[in-house]
């Protein structure tokens, strides 16, 4: 799946994983899961990154995101 930009066509789908120190089960409470998800979504919105598939588990968070081709 490619995206069309002004002068180029490309795909920049990235997989991001955030893990807590020592794999501590931090996301047990629903309140903390929601806070974590909202803060990551706001940061992505600020940098114009589109979240495709968010998944928050007890120990880790996984995100698949579309980034601009000029973002590394």
PDB file of N, CA and C in Angstrom:
ATOM      1  N   UNK A   1       0.845  -1.163   0.000  1.00  0.00           N
ATOM      2  CA  UNK A   1       0.000   0.000   0.000  1.00  0.00           C
ATOM      3  C   UNK A   1       0.899   1.238   0.000  1.00  0.00           C
ATOM      4  N   UNK A   2       0.831   1.997  -1.071  1.00  0.00           N
ATOM      5  CA  UNK A   2       1.653   3.183  -1.211  1.00  0.00           C
ATOM      6  C   UNK A   2       0.801   4.438  -1.090  1.00  0.00           C
ATOM      7  N   UNK A   3       1.440   5.495  -0.699  1.00  0.00           N
ATOM      8  CA  UNK A   3       0.767   6.791  -0.612  1.00  0.00           C
ATOM      9  C   UNK A   3       1.394   7.736  -1.629  1.00  0.00           C
ATOM     10  N   UNK A   4       0.573   8.590  -2.180  1.00  0.00           N
ATOM     11  CA  UNK A   4       1.026   9.549  -3.173  1.00  0.00           C
ATOM     12  C   UNK A   4       1.227  10.902  -2.503  1.00  0.00           C
ATOM     13  N   UNK A   5       2.402  11.447  -2.706  1.00  0.00           N
ATOM     14  CA  UNK A   5       2.741  12.762  -2.181  1.00  0.00           C
ATOM     15  C   UNK A   5       2.967  13.710  -3.347  1.00  0.00           C
ATOM     16  N   UNK A   6       3.330  14.915  -3.057  1.00  0.00           N
ATOM     17  CA  UNK A   6       3.469  15.935  -4.093  1.00  0.00           C
ATOM     18  C   UNK A   6       4.458  15.524  -5.192  1.00  0.00           C
ATOM     19  N   UNK A   7       5.642  15.078  -4.816  1.00  0.00           N
ATOM     20  CA  UNK A   7       6.669  14.732  -5.798  1.00  0.00           C
ATOM     21  C   UNK A   7       7.137  13.290  -5.701  1.00  0.00           C
ATOM     22  N   UNK A   8       6.428  12.462  -4.956  1.00  0.00           N
ATOM     23  CA  UNK A   8       6.904  11.088  -4.785  1.00  0.00           C
ATOM     24  C   UNK A   8       5.752  10.151  -4.435  1.00  0.00           C
ATOM     25  N   UNK A   9       6.047   8.862  -4.539  1.00  0.00           N
ATOM     26  CA  UNK A   9       5.128   7.809  -4.127  1.00  0.00           C
ATOM     27  C   UNK A   9       5.927   6.893  -3.225  1.00  0.00           C
ATOM     28  N   UNK A  10       5.387   6.539  -2.059  1.00  0.00           N
ATOM     29  CA  UNK A  10       6.168   5.692  -1.166  1.00  0.00           C
ATOM     30  C   UNK A  10       5.361   5.171  -0.002  1.00  0.00           C
ATOM     31  N   UNK A  11       6.022   4.327   0.765  1.00  0.00           N
ATOM     32  CA  UNK A  11       5.403   3.729   1.938  1.00  0.00           C
ATOM     33  C   UNK A  11       6.372   3.853   3.100  1.00  0.00           C
ATOM     34  N   UNK A  12       5.891   4.314   4.221  1.00  0.00           N
ATOM     35  CA  UNK A  12       6.734   4.446   5.402  1.00  0.00           C
ATOM     36  C   UNK A  12       5.934   3.969   6.615  1.00  0.00           C
ATOM     37  N   UNK A  13       5.589   2.687   6.616  1.00  0.00           N
ATOM     38  CA  UNK A  13       4.838   2.070   7.702  1.00  0.00           C
ATOM     39  C   UNK A  13       5.836   1.532   8.718  1.00  0.00           C
ATOM     40  N   UNK A  14       5.740   1.994   9.950  1.00  0.00           N
ATOM     41  CA  UNK A  14       6.681   1.598  10.998  1.00  0.00           C
ATOM     42  C   UNK A  14       5.953   0.877  12.117  1.00  0.00           C
ATOM     43  N   UNK A  15       6.662  -0.002  12.789  1.00  0.00           N
ATOM     44  CA  UNK A  15       6.140  -0.698  13.960  1.00  0.00           C
ATOM     45  C   UNK A  15       6.916  -0.204  15.176  1.00  0.00           C
ATOM     46  N   UNK A  16       6.195   0.298  16.183  1.00  0.00           N
ATOM     47  CA  UNK A  16       6.821   0.859  17.381  1.00  0.00           C
ATOM     48  C   UNK A  16       6.400   0.036  18.583  1.00  0.00           C
ATOM     49  N   UNK A  17       7.378  -0.325  19.412  1.00  0.00           N
ATOM     50  CA  UNK A  17       7.094  -1.075  20.635  1.00  0.00           C
ATOM     51  C   UNK A  17       7.702  -0.327  21.811  1.00  0.00           C
ATOM     52  N   UNK A  18       6.889  -0.073  22.833  1.00  0.00           N
ATOM     53  CA  UNK A  18       7.353   0.588  24.049  1.00  0.00           C
ATOM     54  C   UNK A  18       7.227  -0.411  25.189  1.00  0.00           C
ATOM     55  N   UNK A  19       8.340  -0.662  25.876  1.00  0.00           N
ATOM     56  CA  UNK A  19       8.373  -1.651  26.950  1.00  0.00           C
ATOM     57  C   UNK A  19       8.775  -0.973  28.255  1.00  0.00           C
ATOM     58  N   UNK A  20       8.133  -1.363  29.348  1.00  0.00           N
ATOM     59  CA  UNK A  20       8.498  -0.815  30.650  1.00  0.00           C
ATOM     60  C   UNK A  20       9.784  -1.466  31.152  1.00  0.00           C
ATOM     61  N   UNK A  21      10.451  -0.795  32.058  1.00  0.00           N
ATOM     62  CA  UNK A  21      11.696  -1.317  32.610  1.00  0.00           C
ATOM     63  C   UNK A  21      11.423  -2.604  33.379  1.00  0.00           C
ATOM     64  N   UNK A  22      12.228  -3.602  33.154  1.00  0.00           N
ATOM     65  CA  UNK A  22      12.124  -4.928  33.783  1.00  0.00           C
ATOM     66  C   UNK A  22      10.801  -5.624  33.464  1.00  0.00           C
ATOM     67  N   UNK A  23      10.142  -5.191  32.393  1.00  0.00           N
ATOM     68  CA  UNK A  23       8.862  -5.789  31.972  1.00  0.00           C
ATOM     69  C   UNK A  23       7.834  -5.811  33.099  1.00  0.00           C
ATOM     70  N   UNK A  24       7.788  -4.757  33.866  1.00  0.00           N
ATOM     71  CA  UNK A  24       6.840  -4.626  34.964  1.00  0.00           C
ATOM     72  C   UNK A  24       5.430  -4.476  34.403  1.00  0.00           C
ATOM     73  N   UNK A  25       4.468  -5.184  34.972  1.00  0.00           N
ATOM     74  CA  UNK A  25       3.079  -5.143  34.498  1.00  0.00           C
ATOM     75  C   UNK A  25       2.404  -3.858  34.983  1.00  0.00           C
ATOM     76  N   UNK A  26       2.673  -2.784  34.273  1.00  0.00           N
ATOM     77  CA  UNK A  26       2.210  -1.470  34.687  1.00  0.00           C
ATOM     78  C   UNK A  26       0.780  -1.179  34.241  1.00  0.00           C
ATOM     79  N   UNK A  27       0.350  -1.744  33.138  1.00  0.00           N
ATOM     80  CA  UNK A  27      -0.942  -1.392  32.547  1.00  0.00           C
ATOM     81  C   UNK A  27      -2.087  -2.280  33.036  1.00  0.00           C
ATOM     82  N   UNK A  28      -2.077  -2.648  34.276  1.00  0.00           N
ATOM     83  CA  UNK A  28      -3.152  -3.495  34.801  1.00  0.00           C
ATOM     84  C   UNK A  28      -4.461  -2.731  34.923  1.00  0.00           C
ATOM     85  N   UNK A  29      -4.383  -1.475  35.357  1.00  0.00           N
ATOM     86  CA  UNK A  29      -5.594  -0.671  35.545  1.00  0.00           C
ATOM     87  C   UNK A  29      -6.018  -0.040  34.219  1.00  0.00           C
ATOM     88  N   UNK A  30      -7.310  -0.033  33.986  1.00  0.00           N
ATOM     89  CA  UNK A  30      -7.855   0.547  32.755  1.00  0.00           C
ATOM     90  C   UNK A  30      -7.556   2.044  32.672  1.00  0.00           C
ATOM     91  N   UNK A  31      -7.520   2.714  33.816  1.00  0.00           N
ATOM     92  CA  UNK A  31      -7.243   4.151  33.865  1.00  0.00           C
ATOM     93  C   UNK A  31      -5.852   4.469  33.309  1.00  0.00           C
ATOM     94  N   UNK A  32      -4.868   3.670  33.667  1.00  0.00           N
ATOM     95  CA  UNK A  32      -3.497   3.893  33.195  1.00  0.00           C
ATOM     96  C   UNK A  32      -3.381   3.567  31.710  1.00  0.00           C
ATOM     97  N   UNK A  33      -4.074   2.531  31.251  1.00  0.00           N
ATOM     98  CA  UNK A  33      -4.066   2.191  29.821  1.00  0.00           C
ATOM     99  C   UNK A  33      -4.606   3.345  28.986  1.00  0.00           C
ATOM    100  N   UNK A  34      -5.705   3.926  29.434  1.00  0.00           N
ATOM    101  CA  UNK A  34      -6.315   5.033  28.694  1.00  0.00           C
ATOM    102  C   UNK A  34      -5.395   6.250  28.700  1.00  0.00           C
ATOM    103  N   UNK A  35      -4.781   6.558  29.841  1.00  0.00           N
ATOM    104  CA  UNK A  35      -3.858   7.694  29.937  1.00  0.00           C
ATOM    105  C   UNK A  35      -2.670   7.507  28.989  1.00  0.00           C
ATOM    106  N   UNK A  36      -2.122   6.304  28.950  1.00  0.00           N
ATOM    107  CA  UNK A  36      -0.986   6.008  28.073  1.00  0.00           C
ATOM    108  C   UNK A  36      -1.388   6.155  26.603  1.00  0.00           C
ATOM    109  N   UNK A  37      -2.530   5.601  26.243  1.00  0.00           N
ATOM    110  CA  UNK A  37      -2.996   5.659  24.856  1.00  0.00           C
ATOM    111  C   UNK A  37      -3.249   7.094  24.409  1.00  0.00           C
ATOM    112  N   UNK A  38      -3.893   7.884  25.260  1.00  0.00           N
ATOM    113  CA  UNK A  38      -4.199   9.271  24.911  1.00  0.00           C
ATOM    114  C   UNK A  38      -2.923  10.091  24.760  1.00  0.00           C
ATOM    115  N   UNK A  39      -1.956   9.898  25.638  1.00  0.00           N
ATOM    116  CA  UNK A  39      -0.716  10.679  25.551  1.00  0.00           C
ATOM    117  C   UNK A  39       0.077  10.328  24.292  1.00  0.00           C
ATOM    118  N   UNK A  40       0.096   9.061  23.901  1.00  0.00           N
ATOM    119  CA  UNK A  40       0.791   8.669  22.670  1.00  0.00           C
ATOM    120  C   UNK A  40       0.054   9.205  21.449  1.00  0.00           C
ATOM    121  N   UNK A  41      -1.275   9.156  21.457  1.00  0.00           N
ATOM    122  CA  UNK A  41      -2.056   9.691  20.338  1.00  0.00           C
ATOM    123  C   UNK A  41      -1.853  11.195  20.178  1.00  0.00           C
ATOM    124  N   UNK A  42      -1.775  11.932  21.282  1.00  0.00           N
ATOM    125  CA  UNK A  42      -1.541  13.375  21.205  1.00  0.00           C
ATOM    126  C   UNK A  42      -0.154  13.689  20.653  1.00  0.00           C
ATOM    127  N   UNK A  43       0.850  12.913  21.061  1.00  0.00           N
ATOM    128  CA  UNK A  43       2.204  13.124  20.540  1.00  0.00           C
ATOM    129  C   UNK A  43       2.260  12.826  19.042  1.00  0.00           C
ATOM    130  N   UNK A  44       1.570  11.777  18.613  1.00  0.00           N
ATOM    131  CA  UNK A  44       1.539  11.447  17.188  1.00  0.00           C
ATOM    132  C   UNK A  44       0.809  12.522  16.387  1.00  0.00           C
ATOM    133  N   UNK A  45      -0.263  13.045  16.937  1.00  0.00           N
ATOM    134  CA  UNK A  45      -1.018  14.094  16.251  1.00  0.00           C
ATOM    135  C   UNK A  45      -0.170  15.353  16.109  1.00  0.00           C
ATOM    136  N   UNK A  46       0.608  15.671  17.132  1.00  0.00           N
ATOM    137  CA  UNK A  46       1.462  16.863  17.107  1.00  0.00           C
ATOM    138  C   UNK A  46       2.522  16.767  16.011  1.00  0.00           C
ATOM    139  N   UNK A  47       3.019  15.546  15.759  1.00  0.00           N
ATOM    140  CA  UNK A  47       4.067  15.343  14.758  1.00  0.00           C
ATOM    141  C   UNK A  47       3.523  14.822  13.432  1.00  0.00           C
ATOM    142  N   UNK A  48       2.196  14.846  13.255  1.00  0.00           N
ATOM    143  CA  UNK A  48       1.519  14.435  12.024  1.00  0.00           C
ATOM    144  C   UNK A  48       1.835  12.992  11.653  1.00  0.00           C
ATOM    145  N   UNK A  49       1.728  12.113  12.641  1.00  0.00           N
ATOM    146  CA  UNK A  49       1.927  10.678  12.443  1.00  0.00           C
ATOM    147  C   UNK A  49       0.575  10.003  12.624  1.00  0.00           C
ATOM    148  N   UNK A  50       0.189   9.180  11.658  1.00  0.00           N
ATOM    149  CA  UNK A  50      -1.110   8.513  11.703  1.00  0.00           C
ATOM    150  C   UNK A  50      -0.969   7.125  12.327  1.00  0.00           C
ATOM    151  N   UNK A  51      -1.725   6.856  13.379  1.00  0.00           N
ATOM    152  CA  UNK A  51      -1.698   5.551  14.040  1.00  0.00           C
ATOM    153  C   UNK A  51      -2.648   4.620  13.300  1.00  0.00           C
ATOM    154  N   UNK A  52      -2.126   3.469  12.860  1.00  0.00           N
ATOM    155  CA  UNK A  52      -2.928   2.503  12.122  1.00  0.00           C
ATOM    156  C   UNK A  52      -3.528   1.476  13.068  1.00  0.00           C
ATOM    157  N   UNK A  53      -2.688   0.907  13.941  1.00  0.00           N
ATOM    158  CA  UNK A  53      -3.160  -0.170  14.803  1.00  0.00           C
ATOM    159  C   UNK A  53      -2.535  -0.052  16.193  1.00  0.00           C
ATOM    160  N   UNK A  54      -3.239   0.530  17.167  1.00  0.00           N
ATOM    161  CA  UNK A  54      -2.709   0.569  18.535  1.00  0.00           C
ATOM    162  C   UNK A  54      -3.096  -0.694  19.303  1.00  0.00           C
ATOM    163  N   UNK A  55      -2.165  -1.186  20.116  1.00  0.00           N
ATOM    164  CA  UNK A  55      -2.458  -2.339  20.970  1.00  0.00           C
ATOM    165  C   UNK A  55      -1.697  -2.143  22.275  1.00  0.00           C
ATOM    166  N   UNK A  56      -2.426  -2.075  23.388  1.00  0.00           N
ATOM    167  CA  UNK A  56      -1.814  -1.856  24.697  1.00  0.00           C
ATOM    168  C   UNK A  56      -2.009  -3.112  25.532  1.00  0.00           C
ATOM    169  N   UNK A  57      -0.901  -3.709  25.950  1.00  0.00           N
ATOM    170  CA  UNK A  57      -0.920  -4.906  26.785  1.00  0.00           C
ATOM    171  C   UNK A  57      -0.448  -4.537  28.189  1.00  0.00           C
ATOM    172  N   UNK A  58      -0.371  -5.520  29.094  1.00  0.00           N
ATOM    173  CA  UNK A  58       0.051  -5.228  30.475  1.00  0.00           C
ATOM    174  C   UNK A  58       1.499  -4.771  30.559  1.00  0.00           C
ATOM    175  N   UNK A  59       2.368  -5.363  29.754  1.00  0.00           N
ATOM    176  CA  UNK A  59       3.796  -5.051  29.840  1.00  0.00           C
ATOM    177  C   UNK A  59       4.279  -4.110  28.743  1.00  0.00           C
ATOM    178  N   UNK A  60       3.647  -4.151  27.581  1.00  0.00           N
ATOM    179  CA  UNK A  60       4.139  -3.395  26.431  1.00  0.00           C
ATOM    180  C   UNK A  60       3.002  -2.694  25.700  1.00  0.00           C
ATOM    181  N   UNK A  61       3.391  -1.758  24.840  1.00  0.00           N
ATOM    182  CA  UNK A  61       2.452  -1.155  23.899  1.00  0.00           C
ATOM    183  C   UNK A  61       3.034  -1.324  22.504  1.00  0.00           C
ATOM    184  N   UNK A  62       2.189  -1.656  21.557  1.00  0.00           N
ATOM    185  CA  UNK A  62       2.598  -1.847  20.167  1.00  0.00           C
ATOM    186  C   UNK A  62       1.766  -0.916  19.296  1.00  0.00           C
ATOM    187  N   UNK A  63       2.421  -0.238  18.378  1.00  0.00           N
ATOM    188  CA  UNK A  63       1.739   0.656  17.459  1.00  0.00           C
ATOM    189  C   UNK A  63       2.293   0.447  16.062  1.00  0.00           C
ATOM    190  N   UNK A  64       1.409   0.400  15.086  1.00  0.00           N
ATOM    191  CA  UNK A  64       1.799   0.483  13.684  1.00  0.00           C
ATOM    192  C   UNK A  64       1.387   1.868  13.223  1.00  0.00           C
ATOM    193  N   UNK A  65       2.326   2.598  12.650  1.00  0.00           N
ATOM    194  CA  UNK A  65       2.063   3.995  12.297  1.00  0.00           C
ATOM    195  C   UNK A  65       2.524   4.292  10.873  1.00  0.00           C
ATOM    196  N   UNK A  66       1.821   5.225  10.222  1.00  0.00           N
ATOM    197  CA  UNK A  66       2.243   5.786   8.943  1.00  0.00           C
ATOM    198  C   UNK A  66       2.997   7.067   9.243  1.00  0.00           C
ATOM    199  N   UNK A  67       4.189   7.169   8.680  1.00  0.00           N
ATOM    200  CA  UNK A  67       4.982   8.378   8.864  1.00  0.00           C
ATOM    201  C   UNK A  67       5.228   9.013   7.503  1.00  0.00           C
ATOM    202  N   UNK A  68       5.508  10.294   7.501  1.00  0.00           N
ATOM    203  CA  UNK A  68       5.859  10.970   6.257  1.00  0.00           C
ATOM    204  C   UNK A  68       7.174  10.407   5.739  1.00  0.00           C
ATOM    205  N   UNK A  69       7.397  10.382   4.422  1.00  0.00           N
ATOM    206  CA  UNK A  69       8.644   9.831   3.886  1.00  0.00           C
ATOM    207  C   UNK A  69       9.886  10.585   4.353  1.00  0.00           C
ATOM    208  N   UNK A  70       9.743  11.861   4.679  1.00  0.00           N
ATOM    209  CA  UNK A  70      10.901  12.645   5.109  1.00  0.00           C
ATOM    210  C   UNK A  70      11.153  12.535   6.612  1.00  0.00           C
ATOM    211  N   UNK A  71      10.322  11.778   7.336  1.00  0.00           N
ATOM    212  CA  UNK A  71      10.526  11.550   8.765  1.00  0.00           C
ATOM    213  C   UNK A  71      11.327  10.273   8.949  1.00  0.00           C
ATOM    214  N   UNK A  72      12.339  10.318   9.786  1.00  0.00           N
ATOM    215  CA  UNK A  72      13.119   9.097  10.023  1.00  0.00           C
ATOM    216  C   UNK A  72      13.035   8.681  11.471  1.00  0.00           C
TER     217      UNK A  72
END
